Amino acid sequence: LQTLSGSRAYGLDTPESDTDLHGIFLTPTSEFLKLGTSRRGIQDWNESERIDNVDWELGHFLDLATRCNPTVLESFVAPVIEINEVGTELRTLLPEVLSRDRVYQAFSGYAHNQQKKLLAGIGQTNWKFAAQCLRVLFTGVRLVQLGQLQIRADQLGEEQYLRNVRAGKLGIGAVVDRIEVQHQIFTMVYNQAEELDGPLPARANLDHVNEWLLGVRQQNW
């Protein structure tokens, strides 16, 4: 499976935007079991002048997915560049890897990291960190509240606002205030989902995910 990522997947690209790609590949099962070999190929990263490509081995990808890593989860819904039968089956596993606590923790943590990068650059502000921070918070709210993973800015109803943020058209104070409000909204939505047992499960369905993964391993010795 290979999908678009970055601004082109989020609907926030400009003519100057690079192309970011995410991929999932399968290492033959025998390679994990042979003596004298290492578990190379768990994750690969390649960058050229205009293309940034990150690939994960299937098992490593699913491990990160059950931790609800926002960047990894995108591959379940992002625009497809290339896909085969295993990739098609993999994309149906999204509901099985999600869990309410881990979504809240992972998305909040990612947003805080982007916020730190934004604030560290005051004076030469890199506004893409602000846009990414807010987009992830908007996405996290939708996911916890509605059980829907939506990564495009137009799906979130915030395309023009995020474009303005990314273009630096809003003051740093207003952007930071909005980030803080979104953190509070995310926490409120999470607490409500905990009380009302919202659409996301308390735990990922590891039995189902492992059954599928072992079946793929057996078929690809």
N, C-alpha and C. Protein backbone atom coordinates (compact mmCIF):
# COMPACT_ATOMS: atom_id res chain seq x y z
N LEU A 1 0.85 -1.19 0.00
CA LEU A 1 0.00 0.00 0.00
C LEU A 1 0.88 1.23 0.00
N GLN A 2 0.57 2.19 -0.87
CA GLN A 2 1.23 3.49 -0.85
C GLN A 2 0.17 4.57 -0.95
N THR A 3 0.26 5.57 -0.07
CA THR A 3 -0.73 6.64 -0.03
C THR A 3 -0.04 7.99 -0.04
N LEU A 4 -0.80 9.00 -0.40
CA LEU A 4 -0.35 10.38 -0.23
C LEU A 4 -0.36 10.74 1.25
N SER A 5 0.54 11.63 1.63
CA SER A 5 0.53 12.18 2.99
C SER A 5 0.82 13.67 2.88
N GLY A 6 0.97 14.31 4.01
CA GLY A 6 1.32 15.72 4.01
C GLY A 6 0.22 16.60 3.45
N SER A 7 0.61 17.79 3.00
CA SER A 7 -0.37 18.80 2.59
C SER A 7 -1.24 18.35 1.43
N ARG A 8 -0.72 17.51 0.55
CA ARG A 8 -1.53 17.05 -0.59
C ARG A 8 -2.65 16.12 -0.12
N ALA A 9 -2.40 15.35 0.91
CA ALA A 9 -3.45 14.49 1.46
C ALA A 9 -4.45 15.30 2.29
N TYR A 10 -3.98 16.39 2.90
CA TYR A 10 -4.85 17.19 3.77
C TYR A 10 -5.65 18.23 2.99
N GLY A 11 -5.37 18.37 1.68
CA GLY A 11 -6.05 19.41 0.91
C GLY A 11 -5.56 20.80 1.22
N LEU A 12 -4.30 20.92 1.66
CA LEU A 12 -3.72 22.21 2.01
C LEU A 12 -2.47 22.52 1.19
N ASP A 13 -2.30 21.82 0.08
CA ASP A 13 -1.09 21.99 -0.73
C ASP A 13 -1.13 23.30 -1.51
N THR A 14 0.05 23.76 -1.85
CA THR A 14 0.25 24.93 -2.70
C THR A 14 1.12 24.50 -3.87
N PRO A 15 1.31 25.36 -4.87
CA PRO A 15 2.18 24.97 -5.99
C PRO A 15 3.60 24.63 -5.56
N GLU A 16 4.03 25.12 -4.41
CA GLU A 16 5.39 24.85 -3.94
C GLU A 16 5.49 23.59 -3.08
N SER A 17 4.38 22.92 -2.81
CA SER A 17 4.37 21.78 -1.88
C SER A 17 5.12 20.59 -2.44
N ASP A 18 5.88 19.93 -1.56
CA ASP A 18 6.51 18.66 -1.91
C ASP A 18 5.45 17.57 -1.93
N THR A 19 5.82 16.41 -2.43
CA THR A 19 4.95 15.24 -2.41
C THR A 19 5.42 14.30 -1.31
N ASP A 20 4.58 14.06 -0.32
CA ASP A 20 4.89 13.15 0.79
C ASP A 20 4.13 11.85 0.56
N LEU A 21 4.84 10.72 0.69
CA LEU A 21 4.25 9.41 0.48
C LEU A 21 4.47 8.53 1.69
N HIS A 22 3.48 7.71 2.02
CA HIS A 22 3.60 6.69 3.05
C HIS A 22 3.34 5.33 2.42
N GLY A 23 4.13 4.34 2.80
CA GLY A 23 3.96 3.02 2.24
C GLY A 23 4.04 1.93 3.30
N ILE A 24 3.41 0.81 3.02
CA ILE A 24 3.48 -0.38 3.89
C ILE A 24 3.92 -1.54 3.01
N PHE A 25 4.96 -2.26 3.45
CA PHE A 25 5.49 -3.39 2.69
C PHE A 25 5.52 -4.62 3.59
N LEU A 26 5.71 -5.78 2.98
CA LEU A 26 5.68 -7.05 3.70
C LEU A 26 7.02 -7.76 3.55
N THR A 27 7.67 -8.03 4.69
CA THR A 27 8.89 -8.83 4.69
C THR A 27 8.51 -10.31 4.74
N PRO A 28 9.07 -11.17 3.86
CA PRO A 28 8.76 -12.60 3.93
C PRO A 28 9.01 -13.15 5.33
N THR A 29 8.11 -13.99 5.80
CA THR A 29 8.17 -14.50 7.17
C THR A 29 9.49 -15.19 7.46
N SER A 30 10.01 -15.92 6.49
CA SER A 30 11.27 -16.67 6.70
C SER A 30 12.43 -15.74 7.03
N GLU A 31 12.38 -14.49 6.57
CA GLU A 31 13.47 -13.55 6.84
C GLU A 31 13.54 -13.18 8.32
N PHE A 32 12.41 -13.25 9.01
CA PHE A 32 12.42 -12.96 10.45
C PHE A 32 13.01 -14.11 11.26
N LEU A 33 13.05 -15.31 10.69
CA LEU A 33 13.40 -16.52 11.44
C LEU A 33 14.79 -17.05 11.14
N LYS A 34 15.42 -16.61 10.06
CA LYS A 34 16.73 -17.12 9.68
C LYS A 34 17.82 -16.65 10.65
N LEU A 35 18.80 -17.53 10.89
CA LEU A 35 20.00 -17.12 11.61
C LEU A 35 20.87 -16.25 10.71
N GLY A 36 21.59 -15.34 11.34
CA GLY A 36 22.52 -14.51 10.57
C GLY A 36 21.86 -13.37 9.84
N THR A 37 20.60 -13.13 10.10
CA THR A 37 19.93 -11.99 9.49
C THR A 37 19.39 -11.10 10.60
N SER A 38 19.18 -9.86 10.28
CA SER A 38 18.60 -8.93 11.25
C SER A 38 17.22 -8.55 10.78
N ARG A 39 16.49 -7.89 11.65
CA ARG A 39 15.14 -7.48 11.28
C ARG A 39 15.20 -6.13 10.57
N ARG A 40 16.02 -6.09 9.51
CA ARG A 40 16.10 -4.87 8.71
C ARG A 40 14.78 -4.67 7.97
N GLY A 41 14.55 -3.46 7.58
CA GLY A 41 13.37 -3.18 6.79
C GLY A 41 12.11 -2.96 7.60
N ILE A 42 12.25 -2.72 8.91
CA ILE A 42 11.07 -2.40 9.71
C ILE A 42 10.51 -1.04 9.31
N GLN A 43 11.42 -0.11 9.01
CA GLN A 43 11.00 1.20 8.54
C GLN A 43 12.08 1.76 7.63
N ASP A 44 11.67 2.34 6.52
CA ASP A 44 12.60 2.96 5.57
C ASP A 44 12.17 4.40 5.34
N TRP A 45 13.15 5.24 5.07
CA TRP A 45 12.87 6.65 4.80
C TRP A 45 13.75 7.10 3.66
N ASN A 46 13.14 7.68 2.65
CA ASN A 46 13.88 8.19 1.49
C ASN A 46 13.36 9.57 1.15
N GLU A 47 14.30 10.47 0.87
CA GLU A 47 13.92 11.83 0.53
C GLU A 47 14.71 12.30 -0.68
N SER A 48 14.00 12.81 -1.67
CA SER A 48 14.64 13.43 -2.82
C SER A 48 14.30 14.92 -2.79
N GLU A 49 14.56 15.59 -3.88
CA GLU A 49 14.37 17.04 -3.89
C GLU A 49 12.92 17.44 -3.63
N ARG A 50 11.95 16.70 -4.20
CA ARG A 50 10.55 17.07 -4.06
C ARG A 50 9.67 15.94 -3.53
N ILE A 51 10.26 14.79 -3.19
CA ILE A 51 9.48 13.66 -2.71
C ILE A 51 10.06 13.14 -1.39
N ASP A 52 9.21 13.00 -0.40
CA ASP A 52 9.59 12.46 0.91
C ASP A 52 8.78 11.19 1.12
N ASN A 53 9.46 10.04 1.24
CA ASN A 53 8.77 8.76 1.28
C ASN A 53 9.15 8.00 2.54
N VAL A 54 8.15 7.62 3.36
CA VAL A 54 8.36 6.80 4.55
C VAL A 54 7.59 5.51 4.38
N ASP A 55 8.27 4.37 4.59
CA ASP A 55 7.65 3.05 4.46
C ASP A 55 7.79 2.29 5.77
N TRP A 56 6.75 1.52 6.12
CA TRP A 56 6.77 0.68 7.31
C TRP A 56 6.52 -0.77 6.93
N GLU A 57 7.23 -1.70 7.58
CA GLU A 57 6.90 -3.11 7.43
C GLU A 57 5.54 -3.34 8.08
N LEU A 58 4.78 -4.27 7.54
CA LEU A 58 3.38 -4.44 7.93
C LEU A 58 3.20 -4.61 9.44
N GLY A 59 3.99 -5.47 10.07
CA GLY A 59 3.84 -5.70 11.50
C GLY A 59 4.15 -4.45 12.31
N HIS A 60 5.21 -3.74 11.93
CA HIS A 60 5.58 -2.51 12.62
C HIS A 60 4.49 -1.45 12.44
N PHE A 61 3.95 -1.38 11.23
CA PHE A 61 2.86 -0.43 10.95
C PHE A 61 1.67 -0.71 11.86
N LEU A 62 1.27 -1.99 11.98
CA LEU A 62 0.11 -2.31 12.80
C LEU A 62 0.37 -2.05 14.28
N ASP A 63 1.60 -2.27 14.73
CA ASP A 63 1.94 -1.96 16.11
C ASP A 63 1.76 -0.46 16.38
N LEU A 64 2.28 0.38 15.46
CA LEU A 64 2.11 1.82 15.62
C LEU A 64 0.65 2.23 15.49
N ALA A 65 -0.09 1.53 14.62
CA ALA A 65 -1.51 1.85 14.44
C ALA A 65 -2.30 1.58 15.71
N THR A 66 -2.00 0.48 16.42
CA THR A 66 -2.72 0.19 17.66
C THR A 66 -2.34 1.17 18.77
N ARG A 67 -1.24 1.90 18.58
CA ARG A 67 -0.89 2.98 19.51
C ARG A 67 -1.54 4.29 19.07
N CYS A 68 -2.25 4.23 17.95
CA CYS A 68 -3.04 5.36 17.41
C CYS A 68 -2.17 6.55 17.03
N ASN A 69 -0.97 6.26 16.54
CA ASN A 69 -0.09 7.30 16.01
C ASN A 69 -0.82 8.03 14.87
N PRO A 70 -1.03 9.35 14.98
CA PRO A 70 -1.83 10.05 13.97
C PRO A 70 -1.27 9.93 12.56
N THR A 71 0.05 10.01 12.43
CA THR A 71 0.67 9.92 11.11
C THR A 71 0.45 8.55 10.49
N VAL A 72 0.52 7.52 11.30
CA VAL A 72 0.32 6.15 10.81
C VAL A 72 -1.14 5.92 10.44
N LEU A 73 -2.06 6.36 11.28
CA LEU A 73 -3.48 6.13 11.02
C LEU A 73 -3.94 6.73 9.69
N GLU A 74 -3.27 7.79 9.24
CA GLU A 74 -3.65 8.42 7.98
C GLU A 74 -3.71 7.42 6.82
N SER A 75 -2.83 6.44 6.84
CA SER A 75 -2.73 5.51 5.71
C SER A 75 -4.00 4.68 5.52
N PHE A 76 -4.84 4.61 6.53
CA PHE A 76 -6.10 3.88 6.41
C PHE A 76 -7.12 4.64 5.55
N VAL A 77 -6.96 5.96 5.44
CA VAL A 77 -7.99 6.76 4.76
C VAL A 77 -7.42 7.71 3.71
N ALA A 78 -6.10 7.84 3.62
CA ALA A 78 -5.49 8.80 2.70
C ALA A 78 -5.66 8.36 1.25
N PRO A 79 -5.55 9.28 0.30
CA PRO A 79 -5.65 8.93 -1.12
C PRO A 79 -4.61 7.87 -1.51
N VAL A 80 -5.05 6.87 -2.25
CA VAL A 80 -4.21 5.72 -2.59
C VAL A 80 -3.43 6.00 -3.87
N ILE A 81 -2.13 5.71 -3.82
CA ILE A 81 -1.27 5.76 -5.01
C ILE A 81 -1.17 4.37 -5.63
N GLU A 82 -0.98 3.36 -4.78
CA GLU A 82 -0.84 1.98 -5.24
C GLU A 82 -1.35 1.05 -4.14
N ILE A 83 -2.03 -0.03 -4.53
CA ILE A 83 -2.59 -0.94 -3.54
C ILE A 83 -2.76 -2.32 -4.14
N ASN A 84 -2.58 -3.35 -3.31
CA ASN A 84 -2.88 -4.72 -3.75
C ASN A 84 -3.91 -5.32 -2.79
N GLU A 85 -4.13 -6.62 -2.89
CA GLU A 85 -5.18 -7.25 -2.09
C GLU A 85 -4.91 -7.14 -0.59
N VAL A 86 -3.66 -7.35 -0.19
CA VAL A 86 -3.33 -7.24 1.24
C VAL A 86 -3.57 -5.81 1.73
N GLY A 87 -3.19 -4.83 0.92
CA GLY A 87 -3.41 -3.45 1.29
C GLY A 87 -4.88 -3.11 1.42
N THR A 88 -5.69 -3.67 0.52
CA THR A 88 -7.14 -3.44 0.59
C THR A 88 -7.72 -4.01 1.87
N GLU A 89 -7.30 -5.23 2.23
CA GLU A 89 -7.75 -5.83 3.49
C GLU A 89 -7.26 -5.02 4.69
N LEU A 90 -6.02 -4.56 4.61
CA LEU A 90 -5.44 -3.77 5.71
C LEU A 90 -6.28 -2.54 6.00
N ARG A 91 -6.74 -1.87 4.98
CA ARG A 91 -7.49 -0.62 5.18
C ARG A 91 -8.82 -0.86 5.90
N THR A 92 -9.33 -2.10 5.86
CA THR A 92 -10.59 -2.39 6.57
C THR A 92 -10.37 -2.58 8.06
N LEU A 93 -9.12 -2.64 8.51
CA LEU A 93 -8.82 -2.90 9.92
C LEU A 93 -8.85 -1.65 10.79
N LEU A 94 -9.11 -0.50 10.21
CA LEU A 94 -9.08 0.74 11.00
C LEU A 94 -9.91 0.65 12.28
N PRO A 95 -11.17 0.21 12.24
CA PRO A 95 -11.96 0.16 13.48
C PRO A 95 -11.36 -0.76 14.54
N GLU A 96 -10.58 -1.75 14.11
CA GLU A 96 -10.03 -2.74 15.04
C GLU A 96 -8.80 -2.22 15.79
N VAL A 97 -8.09 -1.24 15.22
CA VAL A 97 -6.87 -0.75 15.86
C VAL A 97 -7.12 0.44 16.77
N LEU A 98 -8.30 1.03 16.69
CA LEU A 98 -8.57 2.25 17.45
C LEU A 98 -8.95 1.95 18.90
N SER A 99 -8.54 2.85 19.79
CA SER A 99 -8.99 2.82 21.18
C SER A 99 -9.04 4.25 21.70
N ARG A 100 -10.05 4.53 22.49
CA ARG A 100 -10.35 5.90 22.89
C ARG A 100 -9.19 6.57 23.62
N ASP A 101 -8.63 5.91 24.62
CA ASP A 101 -7.55 6.51 25.42
C ASP A 101 -6.33 6.80 24.56
N ARG A 102 -5.98 5.83 23.71
CA ARG A 102 -4.77 6.01 22.92
C ARG A 102 -4.94 7.07 21.84
N VAL A 103 -6.13 7.19 21.28
CA VAL A 103 -6.38 8.28 20.34
C VAL A 103 -6.18 9.62 21.04
N TYR A 104 -6.77 9.78 22.21
CA TYR A 104 -6.63 11.05 22.93
C TYR A 104 -5.17 11.33 23.28
N GLN A 105 -4.48 10.34 23.81
CA GLN A 105 -3.08 10.53 24.21
C GLN A 105 -2.18 10.83 23.02
N ALA A 106 -2.34 10.05 21.94
CA ALA A 106 -1.45 10.19 20.79
C ALA A 106 -1.70 11.49 20.04
N PHE A 107 -2.96 11.83 19.82
CA PHE A 107 -3.26 13.06 19.09
C PHE A 107 -2.92 14.29 19.91
N SER A 108 -3.18 14.26 21.22
CA SER A 108 -2.79 15.39 22.08
C SER A 108 -1.28 15.56 22.11
N GLY A 109 -0.57 14.44 22.24
CA GLY A 109 0.89 14.49 22.28
C GLY A 109 1.47 15.03 20.99
N TYR A 110 0.93 14.58 19.86
CA TYR A 110 1.40 15.07 18.57
C TYR A 110 1.16 16.58 18.44
N ALA A 111 -0.03 17.01 18.84
CA ALA A 111 -0.35 18.44 18.74
C ALA A 111 0.57 19.27 19.64
N HIS A 112 0.84 18.79 20.84
CA HIS A 112 1.76 19.51 21.74
C HIS A 112 3.16 19.63 21.11
N ASN A 113 3.62 18.57 20.46
CA ASN A 113 4.93 18.62 19.82
C ASN A 113 4.97 19.66 18.70
N GLN A 114 3.91 19.70 17.89
CA GLN A 114 3.84 20.71 16.83
C GLN A 114 3.77 22.12 17.41
N GLN A 115 3.07 22.27 18.53
CA GLN A 115 2.98 23.57 19.18
C GLN A 115 4.34 24.03 19.69
N LYS A 116 5.10 23.10 20.26
CA LYS A 116 6.46 23.43 20.73
C LYS A 116 7.34 23.90 19.58
N LYS A 117 7.24 23.22 18.43
CA LYS A 117 8.03 23.61 17.27
C LYS A 117 7.64 25.00 16.79
N LEU A 118 6.33 25.29 16.84
CA LEU A 118 5.87 26.61 16.45
C LEU A 118 6.45 27.68 17.36
N LEU A 119 6.33 27.49 18.67
CA LEU A 119 6.76 28.51 19.63
C LEU A 119 8.27 28.66 19.65
N ALA A 120 8.99 27.58 19.35
CA ALA A 120 10.45 27.67 19.31
C ALA A 120 10.94 28.52 18.15
N GLY A 121 10.07 28.73 17.16
CA GLY A 121 10.49 29.46 15.97
C GLY A 121 9.98 30.88 15.89
N ILE A 122 9.47 31.42 17.00
CA ILE A 122 8.98 32.80 16.97
C ILE A 122 10.11 33.75 16.55
N GLY A 123 9.77 34.62 15.64
CA GLY A 123 10.79 35.50 15.04
C GLY A 123 11.04 35.07 13.62
N GLN A 124 11.01 33.78 13.38
CA GLN A 124 11.06 33.23 12.02
C GLN A 124 10.04 32.08 11.98
N THR A 125 8.79 32.43 12.25
CA THR A 125 7.74 31.45 12.48
C THR A 125 7.53 30.54 11.28
N ASN A 126 7.53 29.24 11.55
CA ASN A 126 7.19 28.26 10.53
C ASN A 126 5.72 27.90 10.75
N TRP A 127 4.86 28.49 9.98
CA TRP A 127 3.43 28.39 10.22
C TRP A 127 2.87 27.01 9.93
N LYS A 128 3.62 26.17 9.22
CA LYS A 128 3.10 24.83 8.94
C LYS A 128 2.91 24.03 10.23
N PHE A 129 3.73 24.32 11.26
CA PHE A 129 3.57 23.63 12.54
C PHE A 129 2.25 24.01 13.21
N ALA A 130 1.86 25.28 13.08
CA ALA A 130 0.60 25.73 13.64
C ALA A 130 -0.57 25.06 12.93
N ALA A 131 -0.51 25.03 11.59
CA ALA A 131 -1.59 24.42 10.83
C ALA A 131 -1.70 22.93 11.12
N GLN A 132 -0.56 22.27 11.24
CA GLN A 132 -0.58 20.83 11.52
C GLN A 132 -1.10 20.55 12.93
N CYS A 133 -0.70 21.37 13.88
CA CYS A 133 -1.19 21.23 15.25
C CYS A 133 -2.71 21.33 15.29
N LEU A 134 -3.25 22.35 14.68
CA LEU A 134 -4.70 22.56 14.71
C LEU A 134 -5.44 21.49 13.93
N ARG A 135 -4.90 21.10 12.77
CA ARG A 135 -5.58 20.07 11.97
C ARG A 135 -5.68 18.77 12.75
N VAL A 136 -4.60 18.38 13.44
CA VAL A 136 -4.63 17.15 14.22
C VAL A 136 -5.62 17.24 15.37
N LEU A 137 -5.73 18.39 15.99
CA LEU A 137 -6.72 18.57 17.06
C LEU A 137 -8.14 18.50 16.51
N PHE A 138 -8.38 19.14 15.36
CA PHE A 138 -9.71 19.04 14.73
C PHE A 138 -10.03 17.58 14.40
N THR A 139 -9.04 16.87 13.86
CA THR A 139 -9.23 15.46 13.49
C THR A 139 -9.50 14.61 14.72
N GLY A 140 -8.75 14.86 15.80
CA GLY A 140 -8.93 14.10 17.03
C GLY A 140 -10.31 14.27 17.62
N VAL A 141 -10.82 15.50 17.58
CA VAL A 141 -12.17 15.76 18.10
C VAL A 141 -13.20 14.95 17.31
N ARG A 142 -13.11 14.99 15.98
CA ARG A 142 -14.06 14.24 15.15
C ARG A 142 -13.97 12.74 15.42
N LEU A 143 -12.75 12.25 15.57
CA LEU A 143 -12.55 10.82 15.75
C LEU A 143 -13.13 10.34 17.08
N VAL A 144 -12.87 11.07 18.16
CA VAL A 144 -13.38 10.67 19.47
C VAL A 144 -14.89 10.89 19.56
N GLN A 145 -15.37 11.97 18.99
CA GLN A 145 -16.78 12.32 19.12
C GLN A 145 -17.68 11.51 18.20
N LEU A 146 -17.22 11.28 16.95
CA LEU A 146 -18.07 10.66 15.94
C LEU A 146 -17.57 9.29 15.48
N GLY A 147 -16.33 8.95 15.85
CA GLY A 147 -15.76 7.69 15.39
C GLY A 147 -15.33 7.73 13.95
N GLN A 148 -15.12 8.93 13.39
CA GLN A 148 -14.74 9.11 11.99
C GLN A 148 -13.35 9.71 11.89
N LEU A 149 -12.46 9.04 11.13
CA LEU A 149 -11.12 9.57 10.90
C LEU A 149 -11.16 10.38 9.61
N GLN A 150 -11.08 11.69 9.75
CA GLN A 150 -11.12 12.61 8.62
C GLN A 150 -9.87 13.47 8.65
N ILE A 151 -9.09 13.41 7.60
CA ILE A 151 -7.81 14.12 7.60
C ILE A 151 -7.80 15.33 6.69
N ARG A 152 -8.79 15.44 5.79
CA ARG A 152 -8.82 16.57 4.87
C ARG A 152 -9.44 17.79 5.55
N ALA A 153 -8.85 18.95 5.26
CA ALA A 153 -9.33 20.18 5.88
C ALA A 153 -10.75 20.51 5.48
N ASP A 154 -11.14 20.17 4.23
CA ASP A 154 -12.52 20.47 3.83
C ASP A 154 -13.52 19.56 4.53
N GLN A 155 -13.12 18.31 4.85
CA GLN A 155 -13.99 17.42 5.62
C GLN A 155 -14.20 17.96 7.03
N LEU A 156 -13.18 18.62 7.55
CA LEU A 156 -13.24 19.15 8.90
C LEU A 156 -13.94 20.51 8.96
N GLY A 157 -14.25 21.08 7.79
CA GLY A 157 -14.90 22.39 7.75
C GLY A 157 -13.98 23.53 8.11
N GLU A 158 -12.66 23.32 7.97
CA GLU A 158 -11.70 24.33 8.42
C GLU A 158 -10.67 24.66 7.35
N GLU A 159 -10.99 24.40 6.08
CA GLU A 159 -9.97 24.56 5.04
C GLU A 159 -9.44 25.99 4.94
N GLN A 160 -10.32 26.96 4.83
CA GLN A 160 -9.86 28.33 4.65
C GLN A 160 -9.12 28.83 5.89
N TYR A 161 -9.62 28.47 7.06
CA TYR A 161 -8.94 28.89 8.29
C TYR A 161 -7.52 28.31 8.34
N LEU A 162 -7.37 27.02 8.05
CA LEU A 162 -6.05 26.40 8.10
C LEU A 162 -5.13 26.96 7.02
N ARG A 163 -5.68 27.28 5.86
CA ARG A 163 -4.86 27.92 4.82
C ARG A 163 -4.37 29.29 5.28
N ASN A 164 -5.23 30.03 5.96
CA ASN A 164 -4.83 31.34 6.49
C ASN A 164 -3.75 31.19 7.55
N VAL A 165 -3.90 30.18 8.41
CA VAL A 165 -2.88 29.94 9.43
C VAL A 165 -1.55 29.59 8.76
N ARG A 166 -1.60 28.68 7.81
CA ARG A 166 -0.36 28.24 7.16
C ARG A 166 0.31 29.37 6.39
N ALA A 167 -0.48 30.29 5.86
CA ALA A 167 0.07 31.42 5.12
C ALA A 167 0.55 32.54 6.02
N GLY A 168 0.37 32.39 7.34
CA GLY A 168 0.82 33.41 8.28
C GLY A 168 -0.04 34.65 8.29
N LYS A 169 -1.30 34.51 7.90
CA LYS A 169 -2.18 35.66 7.82
C LYS A 169 -2.81 36.04 9.17
N LEU A 170 -2.63 35.20 10.17
CA LEU A 170 -3.19 35.47 11.49
C LEU A 170 -2.05 35.70 12.47
N GLY A 171 -2.27 36.52 13.45
CA GLY A 171 -1.23 36.81 14.42
C GLY A 171 -0.91 35.59 15.28
N ILE A 172 0.32 35.55 15.81
CA ILE A 172 0.74 34.40 16.60
C ILE A 172 -0.11 34.27 17.86
N GLY A 173 -0.51 35.40 18.45
CA GLY A 173 -1.33 35.34 19.65
C GLY A 173 -2.68 34.70 19.39
N ALA A 174 -3.32 35.08 18.27
CA ALA A 174 -4.63 34.53 17.93
C ALA A 174 -4.52 33.04 17.64
N VAL A 175 -3.45 32.64 16.98
CA VAL A 175 -3.27 31.22 16.64
C VAL A 175 -3.03 30.39 17.90
N VAL A 176 -2.18 30.89 18.79
CA VAL A 176 -1.91 30.16 20.03
C VAL A 176 -3.17 30.07 20.88
N ASP A 177 -3.95 31.14 20.92
CA ASP A 177 -5.22 31.09 21.66
C ASP A 177 -6.14 30.02 21.09
N ARG A 178 -6.23 29.94 19.76
CA ARG A 178 -7.10 28.94 19.14
C ARG A 178 -6.59 27.53 19.44
N ILE A 179 -5.28 27.35 19.45
CA ILE A 179 -4.71 26.05 19.79
C ILE A 179 -5.11 25.64 21.20
N GLU A 180 -5.01 26.57 22.14
CA GLU A 180 -5.37 26.27 23.52
C GLU A 180 -6.86 25.93 23.64
N VAL A 181 -7.69 26.65 22.93
CA VAL A 181 -9.13 26.36 22.93
C VAL A 181 -9.39 24.96 22.38
N GLN A 182 -8.68 24.60 21.30
CA GLN A 182 -8.89 23.28 20.71
C GLN A 182 -8.41 22.16 21.62
N HIS A 183 -7.33 22.39 22.35
CA HIS A 183 -6.90 21.40 23.36
C HIS A 183 -8.01 21.20 24.39
N GLN A 184 -8.61 22.30 24.84
CA GLN A 184 -9.69 22.21 25.83
C GLN A 184 -10.90 21.49 25.27
N ILE A 185 -11.25 21.78 24.02
CA ILE A 185 -12.39 21.11 23.39
C ILE A 185 -12.12 19.62 23.26
N PHE A 186 -10.91 19.27 22.86
CA PHE A 186 -10.55 17.86 22.70
C PHE A 186 -10.67 17.14 24.04
N THR A 187 -10.18 17.76 25.10
CA THR A 187 -10.27 17.14 26.43
C THR A 187 -11.72 16.99 26.86
N MET A 188 -12.54 18.01 26.60
CA MET A 188 -13.96 17.94 26.96
C MET A 188 -14.66 16.82 26.21
N VAL A 189 -14.40 16.72 24.91
CA VAL A 189 -15.03 15.67 24.09
C VAL A 189 -14.58 14.30 24.56
N TYR A 190 -13.31 14.17 24.89
CA TYR A 190 -12.80 12.89 25.39
C TYR A 190 -13.47 12.51 26.71
N ASN A 191 -13.59 13.46 27.63
CA ASN A 191 -14.22 13.18 28.91
C ASN A 191 -15.69 12.78 28.74
N GLN A 192 -16.37 13.44 27.81
CA GLN A 192 -17.76 13.08 27.54
C GLN A 192 -17.87 11.67 26.96
N ALA A 193 -16.94 11.34 26.07
CA ALA A 193 -16.96 10.01 25.48
C ALA A 193 -16.67 8.94 26.52
N GLU A 194 -15.82 9.25 27.49
CA GLU A 194 -15.55 8.31 28.58
C GLU A 194 -16.81 8.08 29.41
N GLU A 195 -17.53 9.16 29.70
CA GLU A 195 -18.73 9.05 30.53
C GLU A 195 -19.87 8.33 29.81
N LEU A 196 -19.99 8.59 28.51
CA LEU A 196 -21.13 8.07 27.75
C LEU A 196 -20.78 6.85 26.92
N ASP A 197 -19.53 6.36 27.05
CA ASP A 197 -19.06 5.24 26.25
C ASP A 197 -19.27 5.53 24.77
N GLY A 198 -18.51 6.51 24.28
CA GLY A 198 -18.63 6.99 22.91
C GLY A 198 -18.32 5.96 21.86
N PRO A 199 -18.26 6.36 20.59
CA PRO A 199 -18.16 5.42 19.47
C PRO A 199 -16.85 4.63 19.41
N LEU A 200 -15.78 5.15 19.98
CA LEU A 200 -14.53 4.42 19.95
C LEU A 200 -14.48 3.41 21.10
N PRO A 201 -13.93 2.22 20.86
CA PRO A 201 -13.84 1.22 21.92
C PRO A 201 -12.79 1.60 22.96
N ALA A 202 -12.89 1.00 24.12
CA ALA A 202 -11.91 1.25 25.18
C ALA A 202 -10.56 0.64 24.82
N ARG A 203 -10.57 -0.45 24.07
CA ARG A 203 -9.33 -1.14 23.70
C ARG A 203 -9.38 -1.57 22.24
N ALA A 204 -8.20 -1.65 21.63
CA ALA A 204 -8.11 -2.17 20.26
C ALA A 204 -8.44 -3.66 20.26
N ASN A 205 -8.93 -4.15 19.13
CA ASN A 205 -9.26 -5.57 18.99
C ASN A 205 -8.02 -6.32 18.51
N LEU A 206 -7.09 -6.54 19.44
CA LEU A 206 -5.81 -7.16 19.08
C LEU A 206 -5.98 -8.59 18.59
N ASP A 207 -6.95 -9.31 19.12
CA ASP A 207 -7.16 -10.69 18.67
C ASP A 207 -7.47 -10.72 17.17
N HIS A 208 -8.34 -9.85 16.75
CA HIS A 208 -8.71 -9.79 15.33
C HIS A 208 -7.52 -9.36 14.47
N VAL A 209 -6.81 -8.33 14.92
CA VAL A 209 -5.66 -7.82 14.17
C VAL A 209 -4.57 -8.90 14.06
N ASN A 210 -4.29 -9.57 15.17
CA ASN A 210 -3.26 -10.61 15.15
C ASN A 210 -3.66 -11.79 14.29
N GLU A 211 -4.93 -12.17 14.33
CA GLU A 211 -5.39 -13.27 13.49
C GLU A 211 -5.17 -12.95 12.01
N TRP A 212 -5.49 -11.73 11.64
CA TRP A 212 -5.30 -11.33 10.25
C TRP A 212 -3.81 -11.28 9.89
N LEU A 213 -3.00 -10.69 10.77
CA LEU A 213 -1.56 -10.55 10.50
C LEU A 213 -0.89 -11.92 10.38
N LEU A 214 -1.22 -12.85 11.27
CA LEU A 214 -0.63 -14.19 11.21
C LEU A 214 -1.04 -14.90 9.93
N GLY A 215 -2.28 -14.68 9.49
CA GLY A 215 -2.72 -15.28 8.23
C GLY A 215 -1.90 -14.75 7.06
N VAL A 216 -1.61 -13.46 7.06
CA VAL A 216 -0.78 -12.87 6.00
C VAL A 216 0.64 -13.43 6.08
N ARG A 217 1.17 -13.57 7.29
CA ARG A 217 2.53 -14.12 7.45
C ARG A 217 2.59 -15.56 6.91
N GLN A 218 1.58 -16.35 7.19
CA GLN A 218 1.55 -17.75 6.73
C GLN A 218 1.49 -17.82 5.21
N GLN A 219 0.77 -16.91 4.60
CA GLN A 219 0.61 -16.91 3.15
C GLN A 219 1.83 -16.36 2.43
N ASN A 220 2.71 -15.69 3.17
CA ASN A 220 3.88 -15.05 2.55
C ASN A 220 5.15 -15.49 3.25
N TRP A 221 5.36 -16.81 3.25
CA TRP A 221 6.53 -17.40 3.91
C TRP A 221 7.83 -16.86 3.32
